[in-house]
């Protein structure tokens, strides 16, 4: 037992969120180009996701810093 399955789980934990955000952003950009009016709304939601994630992390860190 060398922990190879642990490494696989660690890789997924580290890179899953960035890969999902990248996929959502690419989907939104393509939707805006290809789907017309409906694509604009899809693009707003999917391209806004990374902004919301960054804002949420920033709020968490600022709350932690104030409580410490």
C-alpha atoms as a PDB file:
ATOM      1  CA  UNK A   1       0.000   0.000   0.000  1.00  0.00           C
ATOM      2  CA  UNK A   2       1.747   3.062  -1.253  1.00  0.00           C
ATOM      3  CA  UNK A   3      -1.196   5.416  -1.042  1.00  0.00           C
ATOM      4  CA  UNK A   4      -1.790   5.665  -4.774  1.00  0.00           C
ATOM      5  CA  UNK A   5      -5.562   5.911  -4.271  1.00  0.00           C
ATOM      6  CA  UNK A   6      -4.947   8.681  -1.739  1.00  0.00           C
ATOM      7  CA  UNK A   7      -3.017  10.595  -4.386  1.00  0.00           C
ATOM      8  CA  UNK A   8      -5.892  10.238  -6.827  1.00  0.00           C
ATOM      9  CA  UNK A   9      -8.341  11.616  -4.275  1.00  0.00           C
ATOM     10  CA  UNK A  10      -5.981  14.464  -3.457  1.00  0.00           C
ATOM     11  CA  UNK A  11      -5.677  15.351  -7.145  1.00  0.00           C
ATOM     12  CA  UNK A  12      -9.455  15.439  -7.479  1.00  0.00           C
ATOM     13  CA  UNK A  13      -9.833  17.599  -4.355  1.00  0.00           C
ATOM     14  CA  UNK A  14      -7.253  20.088  -5.593  1.00  0.00           C
ATOM     15  CA  UNK A  15      -8.237  20.414  -9.237  1.00  0.00           C
ATOM     16  CA  UNK A  16     -11.970  19.615  -9.373  1.00  0.00           C
ATOM     17  CA  UNK A  17     -13.237  23.124  -8.613  1.00  0.00           C
ATOM     18  CA  UNK A  18     -10.917  24.960 -11.043  1.00  0.00           C
ATOM     19  CA  UNK A  19     -11.720  22.476 -13.816  1.00  0.00           C
ATOM     20  CA  UNK A  20     -15.464  22.865 -13.233  1.00  0.00           C
ATOM     21  CA  UNK A  21     -15.184  26.668 -13.207  1.00  0.00           C
ATOM     22  CA  UNK A  22     -13.169  26.595 -16.429  1.00  0.00           C
ATOM     23  CA  UNK A  23     -15.705  24.297 -18.086  1.00  0.00           C
ATOM     24  CA  UNK A  24     -18.591  26.538 -16.998  1.00  0.00           C
ATOM     25  CA  UNK A  25     -16.820  29.626 -18.300  1.00  0.00           C
ATOM     26  CA  UNK A  26     -16.028  28.042 -21.662  1.00  0.00           C
ATOM     27  CA  UNK A  27     -19.617  26.825 -21.937  1.00  0.00           C
ATOM     28  CA  UNK A  28     -20.896  30.310 -21.214  1.00  0.00           C
ATOM     29  CA  UNK A  29     -18.621  31.952 -23.744  1.00  0.00           C
ATOM     30  CA  UNK A  30     -19.592  29.477 -26.428  1.00  0.00           C
ATOM     31  CA  UNK A  31     -23.275  29.834 -25.535  1.00  0.00           C
ATOM     32  CA  UNK A  32     -23.054  33.606 -25.971  1.00  0.00           C
ATOM     33  CA  UNK A  33     -21.553  33.124 -29.417  1.00  0.00           C
ATOM     34  CA  UNK A  34     -23.728  30.293 -30.674  1.00  0.00           C
ATOM     35  CA  UNK A  35     -27.129  30.353 -28.968  1.00  0.00           C
ATOM     36  CA  UNK A  36     -28.340  33.895 -29.626  1.00  0.00           C
ATOM     37  CA  UNK A  37     -30.566  35.525 -27.027  1.00  0.00           C
ATOM     38  CA  UNK A  38     -30.789  32.487 -24.758  1.00  0.00           C
ATOM     39  CA  UNK A  39     -27.014  32.161 -24.860  1.00  0.00           C
ATOM     40  CA  UNK A  40     -26.617  35.640 -23.435  1.00  0.00           C
ATOM     41  CA  UNK A  41     -28.415  34.637 -20.254  1.00  0.00           C
ATOM     42  CA  UNK A  42     -26.504  31.379 -19.991  1.00  0.00           C
ATOM     43  CA  UNK A  43     -23.271  33.352 -20.453  1.00  0.00           C
ATOM     44  CA  UNK A  44     -24.135  35.811 -17.691  1.00  0.00           C
ATOM     45  CA  UNK A  45     -24.676  32.992 -15.226  1.00  0.00           C
ATOM     46  CA  UNK A  46     -21.724  30.814 -16.201  1.00  0.00           C
ATOM     47  CA  UNK A  47     -19.177  33.596 -16.642  1.00  0.00           C
ATOM     48  CA  UNK A  48     -20.348  35.129 -13.376  1.00  0.00           C
ATOM     49  CA  UNK A  49     -19.717  31.907 -11.432  1.00  0.00           C
ATOM     50  CA  UNK A  50     -15.953  32.467 -10.974  1.00  0.00           C
ATOM     51  CA  UNK A  51     -16.628  36.006  -9.781  1.00  0.00           C
ATOM     52  CA  UNK A  52     -19.088  34.715  -7.186  1.00  0.00           C
ATOM     53  CA  UNK A  53     -16.659  32.040  -6.031  1.00  0.00           C
ATOM     54  CA  UNK A  54     -13.872  34.589  -5.551  1.00  0.00           C
ATOM     55  CA  UNK A  55     -16.234  36.923  -3.690  1.00  0.00           C
ATOM     56  CA  UNK A  56     -17.395  34.096  -1.409  1.00  0.00           C
ATOM     57  CA  UNK A  57     -13.812  33.070  -0.577  1.00  0.00           C
ATOM     58  CA  UNK A  58     -12.898  36.700   0.066  1.00  0.00           C
ATOM     59  CA  UNK A  59     -15.828  37.075   2.481  1.00  0.00           C
ATOM     60  CA  UNK A  60     -14.876  33.884   4.314  1.00  0.00           C
ATOM     61  CA  UNK A  61     -11.284  35.013   4.734  1.00  0.00           C
ATOM     62  CA  UNK A  62     -12.278  38.449   5.950  1.00  0.00           C
ATOM     63  CA  UNK A  63     -14.636  36.895   8.539  1.00  0.00           C
ATOM     64  CA  UNK A  64     -11.853  34.563   9.705  1.00  0.00           C
ATOM     65  CA  UNK A  65      -9.394  37.442  10.017  1.00  0.00           C
ATOM     66  CA  UNK A  66     -11.858  39.483  12.085  1.00  0.00           C
ATOM     67  CA  UNK A  67     -12.661  36.608  14.438  1.00  0.00           C
ATOM     68  CA  UNK A  68      -8.988  35.776  15.080  1.00  0.00           C
END
